[in-house]
N, C-alpha and C. Protein backbone atom coordinates (compact mmCIF):
# COMPACT_ATOMS: atom_id res chain seq x y z
N MET A 1 77.41 159.51 133.70
CA MET A 1 78.49 159.43 134.69
C MET A 1 79.83 159.39 133.97
N LYS A 2 80.80 160.18 134.43
CA LYS A 2 82.10 160.24 133.79
C LYS A 2 83.02 159.16 134.34
N GLY A 3 83.74 158.53 133.47
CA GLY A 3 84.70 157.50 133.90
C GLY A 3 86.08 157.83 133.39
N LEU A 4 87.02 157.02 133.78
CA LEU A 4 88.40 157.22 133.36
C LEU A 4 88.69 156.34 132.16
N GLY A 5 88.25 156.75 131.03
CA GLY A 5 88.50 156.01 129.81
C GLY A 5 89.80 156.47 129.17
N PRO A 6 90.17 155.85 128.05
CA PRO A 6 91.44 156.18 127.41
C PRO A 6 91.49 157.59 126.84
N ASN A 7 90.32 158.23 126.69
CA ASN A 7 90.29 159.57 126.10
C ASN A 7 90.15 160.67 127.13
N THR A 8 90.17 160.35 128.41
CA THR A 8 90.04 161.37 129.44
C THR A 8 91.36 162.12 129.59
N PRO A 9 91.32 163.36 130.08
CA PRO A 9 92.56 164.13 130.27
C PRO A 9 93.56 163.42 131.18
N ILE A 10 93.07 162.74 132.21
CA ILE A 10 93.96 162.04 133.13
C ILE A 10 94.72 160.94 132.40
N GLU A 11 94.01 160.15 131.59
CA GLU A 11 94.66 159.07 130.84
C GLU A 11 95.62 159.61 129.78
N LYS A 12 95.27 160.74 129.19
CA LYS A 12 96.18 161.34 128.20
C LYS A 12 97.47 161.79 128.87
N ARG A 13 97.35 162.42 130.04
CA ARG A 13 98.55 162.85 130.76
C ARG A 13 99.39 161.63 131.18
N ARG A 14 98.72 160.58 131.59
CA ARG A 14 99.42 159.36 131.99
C ARG A 14 100.17 158.77 130.79
N PHE A 15 99.53 158.76 129.63
CA PHE A 15 100.18 158.22 128.44
C PHE A 15 101.38 159.07 128.04
N LEU A 16 101.22 160.40 128.07
CA LEU A 16 102.32 161.29 127.70
C LEU A 16 103.49 161.13 128.66
N HIS A 17 103.20 160.98 129.95
CA HIS A 17 104.26 160.76 130.92
C HIS A 17 104.95 159.42 130.67
N SER A 18 104.17 158.41 130.30
CA SER A 18 104.73 157.08 130.08
C SER A 18 105.62 157.01 128.86
N ILE A 19 105.37 157.89 127.90
CA ILE A 19 106.13 157.83 126.65
C ILE A 19 107.44 158.61 126.74
N LEU A 20 107.57 159.46 127.75
CA LEU A 20 108.74 160.34 127.83
C LEU A 20 110.05 159.57 128.00
N PHE A 21 110.13 158.70 129.02
CA PHE A 21 111.39 158.04 129.28
C PHE A 21 111.77 157.05 128.18
N PRO A 22 110.85 156.19 127.70
CA PRO A 22 111.21 155.31 126.58
C PRO A 22 111.71 156.09 125.36
N THR A 23 111.10 157.26 125.11
CA THR A 23 111.54 158.09 123.99
C THR A 23 112.95 158.63 124.24
N PHE A 24 113.19 159.12 125.46
CA PHE A 24 114.52 159.62 125.82
C PHE A 24 115.58 158.53 125.68
N PHE A 25 115.29 157.33 126.18
CA PHE A 25 116.26 156.24 126.13
C PHE A 25 116.53 155.84 124.67
N SER A 26 115.48 155.79 123.86
CA SER A 26 115.63 155.44 122.44
C SER A 26 116.48 156.47 121.71
N LEU A 27 116.23 157.76 121.99
CA LEU A 27 117.02 158.82 121.35
C LEU A 27 118.47 158.77 121.81
N LEU A 28 118.69 158.40 123.08
CA LEU A 28 120.04 158.33 123.61
C LEU A 28 120.87 157.26 122.89
N ILE A 29 120.31 156.05 122.77
CA ILE A 29 121.09 154.99 122.13
C ILE A 29 121.24 155.25 120.62
N PHE A 30 120.24 155.92 120.03
CA PHE A 30 120.36 156.30 118.61
C PHE A 30 121.47 157.33 118.43
N THR A 31 121.52 158.31 119.33
CA THR A 31 122.53 159.37 119.23
C THR A 31 123.94 158.81 119.40
N ILE A 32 124.11 157.88 120.35
CA ILE A 32 125.43 157.27 120.56
C ILE A 32 125.88 156.53 119.32
N ARG A 33 124.97 155.79 118.71
CA ARG A 33 125.33 155.06 117.47
C ARG A 33 125.65 156.05 116.35
N LEU A 34 124.91 157.16 116.28
CA LEU A 34 125.15 158.17 115.24
C LEU A 34 126.53 158.81 115.42
N VAL A 35 126.91 159.08 116.67
CA VAL A 35 128.24 159.65 116.94
C VAL A 35 129.33 158.67 116.49
N GLU A 36 129.14 157.39 116.79
CA GLU A 36 130.11 156.38 116.34
C GLU A 36 130.26 156.41 114.82
N GLU A 37 129.11 156.50 114.14
CA GLU A 37 129.13 156.49 112.67
C GLU A 37 129.80 157.73 112.10
N LEU A 38 129.44 158.89 112.63
CA LEU A 38 129.97 160.15 112.09
C LEU A 38 131.44 160.34 112.41
N GLU A 39 131.87 159.89 113.58
CA GLU A 39 133.27 160.08 114.00
C GLU A 39 134.16 158.91 113.60
N GLY A 40 133.56 157.84 113.10
CA GLY A 40 134.34 156.68 112.70
C GLY A 40 135.01 155.99 113.88
N VAL A 41 134.31 155.94 115.00
CA VAL A 41 134.87 155.31 116.21
C VAL A 41 133.93 154.20 116.67
N SER A 42 134.42 153.42 117.60
CA SER A 42 133.60 152.36 118.21
C SER A 42 133.72 152.45 119.72
N PHE A 43 132.58 152.37 120.38
CA PHE A 43 132.57 152.39 121.84
C PHE A 43 132.42 151.00 122.44
N SER A 44 132.69 149.99 121.63
CA SER A 44 132.49 148.61 122.10
C SER A 44 133.33 148.29 123.33
N HIS A 45 134.47 148.98 123.47
CA HIS A 45 135.33 148.70 124.63
C HIS A 45 134.75 149.24 125.93
N TYR A 46 133.61 149.92 125.83
CA TYR A 46 132.88 150.34 127.03
C TYR A 46 131.79 149.34 127.40
N GLY A 47 131.78 148.20 126.75
CA GLY A 47 130.83 147.16 127.08
C GLY A 47 131.28 146.37 128.30
N VAL A 48 130.56 145.29 128.57
CA VAL A 48 130.90 144.40 129.69
C VAL A 48 131.93 143.38 129.22
N ARG A 49 133.00 143.28 129.96
CA ARG A 49 133.96 142.18 129.76
C ARG A 49 134.05 141.44 131.09
N PRO A 50 133.57 140.20 131.13
CA PRO A 50 133.43 139.49 132.40
C PRO A 50 134.72 139.40 133.22
N LEU A 51 134.57 139.68 134.50
CA LEU A 51 135.63 139.49 135.50
C LEU A 51 136.90 140.28 135.22
N THR A 52 136.74 141.44 134.57
CA THR A 52 137.88 142.32 134.34
C THR A 52 137.54 143.71 134.88
N LYS A 53 138.59 144.44 135.30
CA LYS A 53 138.37 145.78 135.85
C LYS A 53 137.79 146.72 134.80
N GLU A 54 138.37 146.67 133.58
CA GLU A 54 137.88 147.56 132.53
C GLU A 54 136.45 147.22 132.09
N GLY A 55 136.08 145.96 132.28
CA GLY A 55 134.73 145.54 131.89
C GLY A 55 133.65 145.94 132.85
N LEU A 56 134.03 146.44 134.05
CA LEU A 56 133.03 146.87 135.02
C LEU A 56 132.22 148.06 134.52
N TRP A 57 132.87 148.95 133.77
CA TRP A 57 132.14 150.12 133.25
C TRP A 57 130.99 149.71 132.36
N GLY A 58 131.09 148.53 131.78
CA GLY A 58 130.03 148.07 130.90
C GLY A 58 128.70 147.87 131.59
N ILE A 59 128.71 147.66 132.90
CA ILE A 59 127.45 147.53 133.63
C ILE A 59 126.62 148.79 133.45
N LEU A 60 127.31 149.94 133.35
CA LEU A 60 126.61 151.22 133.15
C LEU A 60 126.40 151.57 131.68
N PHE A 61 127.35 151.16 130.83
CA PHE A 61 127.33 151.67 129.45
C PHE A 61 126.92 150.66 128.38
N ALA A 62 127.05 149.36 128.66
CA ALA A 62 126.82 148.37 127.60
C ALA A 62 125.45 148.46 126.93
N PRO A 63 124.34 148.67 127.68
CA PRO A 63 123.03 148.73 127.01
C PRO A 63 122.88 149.91 126.06
N LEU A 64 123.77 150.89 126.17
CA LEU A 64 123.67 152.08 125.33
C LEU A 64 124.43 151.95 124.02
N ILE A 65 125.24 150.89 123.88
CA ILE A 65 126.17 150.75 122.76
C ILE A 65 125.74 149.60 121.86
N HIS A 66 125.80 149.83 120.54
CA HIS A 66 125.43 148.80 119.58
C HIS A 66 126.49 148.71 118.48
N GLY A 67 126.68 147.49 118.00
CA GLY A 67 127.76 147.23 117.06
C GLY A 67 127.56 147.88 115.70
N ASP A 68 126.32 147.93 115.22
CA ASP A 68 126.04 148.54 113.92
C ASP A 68 124.56 148.94 113.90
N TRP A 69 124.13 149.48 112.77
CA TRP A 69 122.75 149.97 112.68
C TRP A 69 121.74 148.82 112.75
N ASP A 70 122.07 147.70 112.17
CA ASP A 70 121.15 146.55 112.24
C ASP A 70 120.95 146.11 113.69
N HIS A 71 122.06 146.09 114.43
CA HIS A 71 121.98 145.74 115.85
C HIS A 71 121.08 146.72 116.60
N LEU A 72 121.25 148.00 116.30
CA LEU A 72 120.43 149.03 116.95
C LEU A 72 118.96 148.88 116.58
N TYR A 73 118.67 148.77 115.29
CA TYR A 73 117.27 148.69 114.85
C TYR A 73 116.57 147.45 115.40
N SER A 74 117.31 146.35 115.52
CA SER A 74 116.70 145.12 116.02
C SER A 74 116.27 145.27 117.48
N ASN A 75 116.88 146.20 118.20
CA ASN A 75 116.53 146.41 119.61
C ASN A 75 115.61 147.60 119.84
N LEU A 76 115.68 148.58 118.95
CA LEU A 76 115.05 149.87 119.23
C LEU A 76 113.53 149.77 119.38
N VAL A 77 112.85 149.12 118.44
CA VAL A 77 111.39 149.07 118.48
C VAL A 77 110.90 148.29 119.69
N SER A 78 111.46 147.11 119.94
CA SER A 78 111.04 146.31 121.08
C SER A 78 111.32 147.03 122.39
N MET A 79 112.46 147.69 122.47
CA MET A 79 112.82 148.44 123.66
C MET A 79 111.80 149.53 123.93
N PHE A 80 111.40 150.23 122.89
CA PHE A 80 110.43 151.33 123.05
C PHE A 80 109.06 150.80 123.45
N VAL A 81 108.59 149.75 122.77
CA VAL A 81 107.25 149.22 123.04
C VAL A 81 107.15 148.65 124.45
N LEU A 82 108.12 147.84 124.84
CA LEU A 82 108.09 147.23 126.17
C LEU A 82 108.31 148.29 127.25
N GLY A 83 109.16 149.26 126.97
CA GLY A 83 109.36 150.34 127.94
C GLY A 83 108.09 151.15 128.13
N LEU A 84 107.37 151.44 127.05
CA LEU A 84 106.11 152.17 127.13
C LEU A 84 105.10 151.38 127.95
N ALA A 85 105.01 150.07 127.72
CA ALA A 85 104.09 149.23 128.48
C ALA A 85 104.42 149.25 129.98
N LEU A 86 105.71 149.17 130.30
CA LEU A 86 106.11 149.21 131.70
C LEU A 86 105.71 150.53 132.35
N PHE A 87 106.03 151.64 131.71
CA PHE A 87 105.78 152.95 132.31
C PHE A 87 104.30 153.31 132.31
N TYR A 88 103.51 152.72 131.43
CA TYR A 88 102.08 153.01 131.43
C TYR A 88 101.32 152.16 132.44
N PHE A 89 101.56 150.87 132.45
CA PHE A 89 100.77 149.98 133.30
C PHE A 89 101.35 149.82 134.71
N TYR A 90 102.65 150.10 134.87
CA TYR A 90 103.29 149.97 136.19
C TYR A 90 103.98 151.28 136.55
N ASN A 91 103.28 152.38 136.32
CA ASN A 91 103.92 153.70 136.41
C ASN A 91 104.55 153.99 137.77
N LYS A 92 103.99 153.47 138.86
CA LYS A 92 104.50 153.79 140.19
C LYS A 92 105.82 153.09 140.51
N ILE A 93 106.10 152.00 139.85
CA ILE A 93 107.35 151.27 140.12
C ILE A 93 108.21 151.15 138.87
N ALA A 94 107.84 151.85 137.81
CA ALA A 94 108.51 151.66 136.51
C ALA A 94 109.99 152.02 136.56
N TYR A 95 110.33 153.16 137.14
CA TYR A 95 111.74 153.56 137.17
C TYR A 95 112.56 152.57 137.98
N LYS A 96 112.00 152.15 139.10
CA LYS A 96 112.70 151.19 139.96
C LYS A 96 112.96 149.89 139.21
N VAL A 97 111.95 149.37 138.53
CA VAL A 97 112.09 148.11 137.80
C VAL A 97 113.06 148.27 136.64
N PHE A 98 112.94 149.37 135.90
CA PHE A 98 113.80 149.58 134.72
C PHE A 98 115.27 149.60 135.11
N PHE A 99 115.62 150.40 136.10
CA PHE A 99 117.03 150.55 136.44
C PHE A 99 117.58 149.34 137.19
N LEU A 100 116.74 148.63 137.91
CA LEU A 100 117.22 147.39 138.52
C LEU A 100 117.50 146.32 137.47
N ILE A 101 116.64 146.22 136.45
CA ILE A 101 116.93 145.31 135.34
C ILE A 101 118.23 145.73 134.66
N TYR A 102 118.39 147.03 134.46
CA TYR A 102 119.59 147.58 133.82
C TYR A 102 120.85 147.14 134.57
N LEU A 103 120.84 147.31 135.89
CA LEU A 103 122.03 147.00 136.69
C LEU A 103 122.22 145.50 136.90
N LEU A 104 121.14 144.80 137.23
CA LEU A 104 121.25 143.37 137.54
C LEU A 104 121.68 142.56 136.32
N SER A 105 121.16 142.90 135.16
CA SER A 105 121.55 142.17 133.95
C SER A 105 123.03 142.39 133.64
N GLY A 106 123.50 143.63 133.83
CA GLY A 106 124.91 143.92 133.61
C GLY A 106 125.82 143.23 134.61
N MET A 107 125.38 143.20 135.87
CA MET A 107 126.17 142.53 136.90
C MET A 107 126.25 141.03 136.63
N GLY A 108 125.14 140.43 136.22
CA GLY A 108 125.15 139.01 135.88
C GLY A 108 126.11 138.72 134.75
N LEU A 109 126.10 139.58 133.73
CA LEU A 109 127.02 139.43 132.61
C LEU A 109 128.47 139.49 133.06
N TRP A 110 128.77 140.45 133.93
CA TRP A 110 130.15 140.62 134.37
C TRP A 110 130.62 139.41 135.18
N LEU A 111 129.71 138.81 135.94
CA LEU A 111 130.06 137.68 136.79
C LEU A 111 130.15 136.36 136.04
N ALA A 112 129.32 136.18 135.02
CA ALA A 112 129.27 134.88 134.36
C ALA A 112 128.86 135.03 132.89
N ALA A 113 129.85 135.07 132.02
CA ALA A 113 129.60 135.14 130.58
C ALA A 113 130.90 134.80 129.86
N ARG A 114 130.82 134.65 128.55
CA ARG A 114 132.01 134.36 127.76
C ARG A 114 133.00 135.51 127.82
N ASP A 115 134.26 135.21 127.67
CA ASP A 115 135.30 136.23 127.70
C ASP A 115 135.28 137.00 126.38
N SER A 116 134.43 138.03 126.37
CA SER A 116 134.27 138.84 125.17
C SER A 116 133.65 140.17 125.60
N TRP A 117 133.59 141.12 124.69
CA TRP A 117 132.90 142.38 124.97
C TRP A 117 131.42 142.19 124.68
N HIS A 118 130.57 142.48 125.65
CA HIS A 118 129.13 142.32 125.52
C HIS A 118 128.48 143.70 125.49
N ILE A 119 127.74 144.00 124.42
CA ILE A 119 127.10 145.30 124.27
C ILE A 119 125.67 145.11 123.79
N GLY A 120 124.87 146.18 123.89
CA GLY A 120 123.52 146.16 123.34
C GLY A 120 122.43 146.13 124.41
N ALA A 121 121.24 146.56 124.00
CA ALA A 121 120.10 146.66 124.90
C ALA A 121 119.22 145.42 124.90
N SER A 122 119.67 144.34 124.26
CA SER A 122 118.81 143.15 124.19
C SER A 122 118.56 142.53 125.57
N GLY A 123 119.54 142.66 126.48
CA GLY A 123 119.30 142.18 127.84
C GLY A 123 118.17 142.93 128.50
N MET A 124 118.07 144.23 128.24
CA MET A 124 116.96 145.03 128.76
C MET A 124 115.63 144.56 128.17
N ILE A 125 115.64 144.22 126.90
CA ILE A 125 114.41 143.74 126.26
C ILE A 125 113.94 142.46 126.92
N TYR A 126 114.86 141.54 127.16
CA TYR A 126 114.51 140.29 127.82
C TYR A 126 114.03 140.55 129.25
N GLY A 127 114.67 141.51 129.93
CA GLY A 127 114.24 141.82 131.29
C GLY A 127 112.85 142.40 131.34
N LEU A 128 112.55 143.34 130.45
CA LEU A 128 111.21 143.95 130.41
C LEU A 128 110.16 142.92 130.01
N ALA A 129 110.49 142.08 129.02
CA ALA A 129 109.54 141.04 128.60
C ALA A 129 109.29 140.05 129.73
N GLY A 130 110.36 139.68 130.46
CA GLY A 130 110.20 138.76 131.58
C GLY A 130 109.33 139.34 132.67
N PHE A 131 109.55 140.60 132.99
CA PHE A 131 108.74 141.25 134.03
C PHE A 131 107.28 141.35 133.61
N LEU A 132 107.03 141.87 132.42
CA LEU A 132 105.66 142.11 131.96
C LEU A 132 104.89 140.81 131.74
N SER A 133 105.57 139.75 131.31
CA SER A 133 104.88 138.49 131.03
C SER A 133 104.48 137.76 132.30
N LEU A 134 105.17 138.01 133.41
CA LEU A 134 104.89 137.29 134.65
C LEU A 134 104.12 138.14 135.67
N SER A 135 104.39 139.42 135.71
CA SER A 135 103.86 140.26 136.78
C SER A 135 102.34 140.26 136.86
N GLY A 136 101.69 140.41 135.71
CA GLY A 136 100.22 140.44 135.72
C GLY A 136 99.62 139.13 136.19
N ILE A 137 100.27 138.02 135.84
CA ILE A 137 99.76 136.70 136.21
C ILE A 137 99.83 136.48 137.71
N ILE A 138 100.98 136.81 138.32
CA ILE A 138 101.10 136.56 139.76
C ILE A 138 100.32 137.58 140.58
N ARG A 139 99.96 138.73 139.99
CA ARG A 139 99.11 139.69 140.69
C ARG A 139 97.63 139.32 140.59
N LYS A 140 97.29 138.39 139.69
CA LYS A 140 95.91 137.97 139.45
C LYS A 140 95.01 139.16 139.11
N HIS A 141 95.59 140.08 138.35
CA HIS A 141 94.89 141.29 137.92
C HIS A 141 94.47 141.08 136.47
N ILE A 142 93.16 141.07 136.22
CA ILE A 142 92.64 140.70 134.90
C ILE A 142 93.25 141.55 133.79
N GLY A 143 93.28 142.86 133.97
CA GLY A 143 93.82 143.73 132.93
C GLY A 143 95.29 143.47 132.67
N LEU A 144 96.06 143.27 133.75
CA LEU A 144 97.49 143.03 133.59
C LEU A 144 97.79 141.62 133.09
N ILE A 145 96.90 140.68 133.40
CA ILE A 145 97.05 139.34 132.84
C ILE A 145 96.93 139.40 131.31
N ALA A 146 96.01 140.24 130.82
CA ALA A 146 95.87 140.42 129.38
C ALA A 146 97.16 140.96 128.77
N ILE A 147 97.81 141.90 129.47
CA ILE A 147 99.08 142.43 129.00
C ILE A 147 100.14 141.33 129.00
N SER A 148 100.14 140.52 130.06
CA SER A 148 101.10 139.41 130.14
C SER A 148 100.95 138.48 128.95
N PHE A 149 99.72 138.12 128.62
CA PHE A 149 99.49 137.21 127.50
C PHE A 149 99.88 137.84 126.16
N LEU A 150 99.66 139.15 126.03
CA LEU A 150 100.07 139.83 124.80
C LEU A 150 101.60 139.80 124.65
N VAL A 151 102.29 140.06 125.76
CA VAL A 151 103.75 140.04 125.72
C VAL A 151 104.25 138.63 125.39
N ILE A 152 103.63 137.62 126.02
CA ILE A 152 104.02 136.23 125.74
C ILE A 152 103.76 135.88 124.28
N PHE A 153 102.63 136.36 123.75
CA PHE A 153 102.27 136.05 122.35
C PHE A 153 103.29 136.66 121.38
N PHE A 154 103.66 137.92 121.61
CA PHE A 154 104.54 138.61 120.67
C PHE A 154 106.02 138.35 120.93
N TYR A 155 106.36 138.07 122.19
CA TYR A 155 107.78 137.95 122.53
C TYR A 155 108.15 136.61 123.15
N GLY A 156 107.21 135.69 123.20
CA GLY A 156 107.48 134.40 123.82
C GLY A 156 108.62 133.64 123.17
N SER A 157 108.80 133.82 121.87
CA SER A 157 109.86 133.10 121.17
C SER A 157 111.25 133.57 121.58
N LEU A 158 111.31 134.71 122.28
CA LEU A 158 112.61 135.21 122.73
C LEU A 158 113.30 134.24 123.68
N VAL A 159 112.51 133.40 124.34
CA VAL A 159 113.08 132.52 125.36
C VAL A 159 114.21 131.66 124.80
N TRP A 160 114.12 131.30 123.52
CA TRP A 160 115.15 130.44 122.93
C TRP A 160 116.48 131.17 122.79
N GLY A 161 116.44 132.49 122.77
CA GLY A 161 117.67 133.25 122.65
C GLY A 161 118.41 133.43 123.96
N ALA A 162 117.85 132.89 125.05
CA ALA A 162 118.48 133.02 126.36
C ALA A 162 119.29 131.79 126.74
N PHE A 163 119.44 130.86 125.79
CA PHE A 163 120.18 129.63 126.09
C PHE A 163 121.12 129.31 124.93
N PRO A 164 122.25 128.68 125.22
CA PRO A 164 123.24 128.38 124.17
C PRO A 164 122.87 127.12 123.40
N LEU A 165 121.87 127.22 122.54
CA LEU A 165 121.40 126.07 121.79
C LEU A 165 122.35 125.70 120.65
N LYS A 166 123.23 126.62 120.28
CA LYS A 166 124.24 126.36 119.26
C LYS A 166 125.59 126.85 119.78
N VAL A 167 126.65 126.38 119.19
CA VAL A 167 127.98 126.85 119.57
C VAL A 167 128.34 128.09 118.77
N ASN A 168 129.19 128.92 119.35
CA ASN A 168 129.69 130.13 118.69
C ASN A 168 128.56 131.03 118.21
N LEU A 169 127.61 131.29 119.10
CA LEU A 169 126.50 132.17 118.75
C LEU A 169 127.00 133.59 118.51
N PRO A 170 126.45 134.30 117.51
CA PRO A 170 126.93 135.65 117.20
C PRO A 170 126.38 136.71 118.14
N TYR A 171 125.50 136.36 119.04
CA TYR A 171 124.93 137.33 119.97
C TYR A 171 125.19 136.85 121.40
N SER A 172 124.98 137.76 122.34
CA SER A 172 125.25 137.46 123.74
C SER A 172 124.02 136.79 124.37
N TRP A 173 123.95 135.47 124.29
CA TRP A 173 122.83 134.77 124.93
C TRP A 173 122.89 134.96 126.44
N GLU A 174 124.11 135.17 126.98
CA GLU A 174 124.24 135.39 128.41
C GLU A 174 123.53 136.69 128.84
N GLY A 175 123.64 137.73 128.00
CA GLY A 175 122.94 138.97 128.29
C GLY A 175 121.44 138.77 128.29
N HIS A 176 120.94 137.97 127.35
CA HIS A 176 119.52 137.65 127.30
C HIS A 176 119.10 136.89 128.56
N PHE A 177 119.92 135.92 128.95
CA PHE A 177 119.60 135.10 130.11
C PHE A 177 119.53 135.94 131.39
N TRP A 178 120.58 136.74 131.64
CA TRP A 178 120.60 137.52 132.87
C TRP A 178 119.54 138.61 132.87
N GLY A 179 119.26 139.18 131.72
CA GLY A 179 118.19 140.18 131.65
C GLY A 179 116.82 139.56 131.94
N GLY A 180 116.53 138.42 131.30
CA GLY A 180 115.26 137.76 131.54
C GLY A 180 115.11 137.31 132.98
N LEU A 181 116.19 136.78 133.56
CA LEU A 181 116.14 136.35 134.96
C LEU A 181 115.89 137.53 135.89
N ALA A 182 116.54 138.65 135.61
CA ALA A 182 116.32 139.84 136.43
C ALA A 182 114.86 140.29 136.37
N GLY A 183 114.27 140.30 135.18
CA GLY A 183 112.88 140.71 135.05
C GLY A 183 111.93 139.79 135.80
N ILE A 184 112.17 138.49 135.73
CA ILE A 184 111.32 137.51 136.42
C ILE A 184 111.44 137.67 137.93
N LEU A 185 112.66 137.83 138.43
CA LEU A 185 112.87 137.99 139.87
C LEU A 185 112.21 139.27 140.38
N LEU A 186 112.29 140.34 139.61
CA LEU A 186 111.68 141.60 140.02
C LEU A 186 110.16 141.53 139.99
N ALA A 187 109.60 140.76 139.06
CA ALA A 187 108.15 140.57 139.03
C ALA A 187 107.66 139.93 140.32
N VAL A 188 108.44 138.98 140.84
CA VAL A 188 108.08 138.32 142.10
C VAL A 188 108.34 139.25 143.28
N LEU A 189 109.48 139.92 143.27
CA LEU A 189 109.88 140.78 144.38
C LEU A 189 108.91 141.94 144.59
N PHE A 190 108.41 142.51 143.49
CA PHE A 190 107.55 143.69 143.58
C PHE A 190 106.08 143.37 143.37
N LYS A 191 105.68 142.12 143.60
CA LYS A 191 104.30 141.74 143.33
C LYS A 191 103.30 142.49 144.20
N ASN A 192 103.74 142.98 145.35
CA ASN A 192 102.85 143.72 146.24
C ASN A 192 102.98 145.23 146.10
N GLU A 193 103.78 145.68 145.15
CA GLU A 193 103.93 147.10 144.86
C GLU A 193 103.34 147.40 143.49
N GLY A 194 102.87 148.63 143.33
CA GLY A 194 102.27 149.00 142.06
C GLY A 194 100.83 148.56 141.98
N PRO A 195 100.27 148.39 140.78
CA PRO A 195 98.85 148.06 140.62
C PRO A 195 98.52 146.71 141.23
N GLN A 196 97.37 146.65 141.91
CA GLN A 196 96.93 145.42 142.55
C GLN A 196 95.55 145.03 142.04
N ARG A 197 95.24 143.76 142.19
CA ARG A 197 93.93 143.25 141.75
C ARG A 197 92.82 143.92 142.54
N PRO A 198 91.85 144.55 141.86
CA PRO A 198 90.74 145.18 142.58
C PRO A 198 89.82 144.14 143.20
N HIS A 199 89.24 144.48 144.35
CA HIS A 199 88.29 143.59 144.99
C HIS A 199 86.97 143.61 144.23
N SER A 200 86.38 142.45 144.05
CA SER A 200 85.10 142.37 143.36
C SER A 200 83.97 142.48 144.37
N PRO A 201 82.77 142.93 143.95
CA PRO A 201 81.62 142.98 144.85
C PRO A 201 81.29 141.63 145.47
N LEU A 202 81.51 140.55 144.72
CA LEU A 202 81.23 139.22 145.25
C LEU A 202 82.12 138.91 146.45
N GLU A 203 83.39 139.32 146.38
CA GLU A 203 84.30 139.10 147.51
C GLU A 203 83.86 139.89 148.72
N ASP A 204 83.39 141.13 148.49
CA ASP A 204 82.91 141.94 149.60
C ASP A 204 81.70 141.30 150.26
N GLU A 205 80.77 140.74 149.43
CA GLU A 205 79.59 140.09 149.99
C GLU A 205 79.97 138.86 150.79
N GLU A 206 80.95 138.09 150.29
CA GLU A 206 81.40 136.91 151.02
C GLU A 206 82.01 137.29 152.36
N ASP A 207 82.76 138.40 152.39
CA ASP A 207 83.36 138.85 153.64
C ASP A 207 82.28 139.26 154.63
N GLU A 208 81.21 139.92 154.13
CA GLU A 208 80.13 140.34 155.01
C GLU A 208 79.41 139.13 155.59
N VAL A 209 79.18 138.11 154.75
CA VAL A 209 78.51 136.90 155.23
C VAL A 209 79.35 136.20 156.28
N ASP A 210 80.67 136.11 156.03
CA ASP A 210 81.57 135.48 156.99
C ASP A 210 81.59 136.22 158.31
N ASN A 211 81.59 137.56 158.23
CA ASN A 211 81.62 138.36 159.45
C ASN A 211 80.32 138.23 160.23
N GLU A 212 79.18 138.20 159.50
CA GLU A 212 77.90 138.04 160.16
C GLU A 212 77.80 136.69 160.85
N GLY A 213 78.33 135.64 160.18
CA GLY A 213 78.30 134.31 160.77
C GLY A 213 79.15 134.25 162.03
N ALA A 214 80.30 134.90 161.99
CA ALA A 214 81.17 134.91 163.17
C ALA A 214 80.53 135.67 164.31
N ASP A 215 79.88 136.82 164.01
CA ASP A 215 79.22 137.59 165.06
C ASP A 215 78.10 136.80 165.69
N ALA A 216 77.34 136.10 164.85
CA ALA A 216 76.21 135.32 165.38
C ALA A 216 76.71 134.22 166.30
N TYR A 217 77.85 133.60 165.94
CA TYR A 217 78.40 132.51 166.77
C TYR A 217 78.81 133.04 168.14
N TRP A 218 79.55 134.15 168.13
CA TRP A 218 80.01 134.67 169.42
C TRP A 218 78.85 135.23 170.24
N LEU A 219 77.85 135.83 169.54
CA LEU A 219 76.68 136.33 170.24
C LEU A 219 75.94 135.20 170.91
N LYS A 220 75.82 134.10 170.22
CA LYS A 220 75.12 132.93 170.77
C LYS A 220 75.88 132.42 172.01
N ASN A 221 77.18 132.37 171.94
CA ASN A 221 77.96 131.91 173.08
C ASN A 221 77.87 132.84 174.26
N ASP A 222 77.69 134.15 173.97
CA ASP A 222 77.57 135.11 175.08
C ASP A 222 76.23 134.98 175.78
N ILE A 223 75.19 134.64 175.04
CA ILE A 223 73.85 134.57 175.62
C ILE A 223 73.69 133.31 176.42
N GLU A 224 74.19 132.19 175.89
CA GLU A 224 73.98 130.93 176.58
C GLU A 224 74.81 130.87 177.87
N PRO A 225 74.24 130.31 178.96
CA PRO A 225 74.96 130.21 180.21
C PRO A 225 76.10 129.20 180.10
């Protein structure tokens, strides 16, 4: 009997589709940083600056801009891996979740953060990690719970970067906070969309027994005067 294993044509097409957008996004932020390097310019002023008119554009552009190559590399691998996981395991709602994290994290930054230019995709990383670590658990889906635990195992330490545990931090902890919060909220909001926990045969048998018991009760009441 043929099944849908990881080597089937359907799974291969699903994997290739899942890798397209994370690859495109990674190439986009790499290209922007390369243009900055080659032209000797900085796009940091297109980041988020809280509660300013010019800083509003950062909601759209900040995740695409990085201060230097180290900043880019520190985000690139995690962004790609978590994006691939989102688009593979939650393919039906992946675009919706990705772009809502993108917008909500930027809006949170603009509304409440230090008076500075905030740039980088780390808020997206926190948002994707937050969504993936919680979504499988609240769906009670065994396969997705395993993904949640893997994300928690590899990225659980990120939680400390979402709070101002020290003064004058060199990174935007506010971006981490708003990104993570957006991912967690979306995991709850979309818990009934996308992949759902499959029904087990035992649950089906219990439903049949319950239905038979109910039918017998009403049948008995109909017969008795």
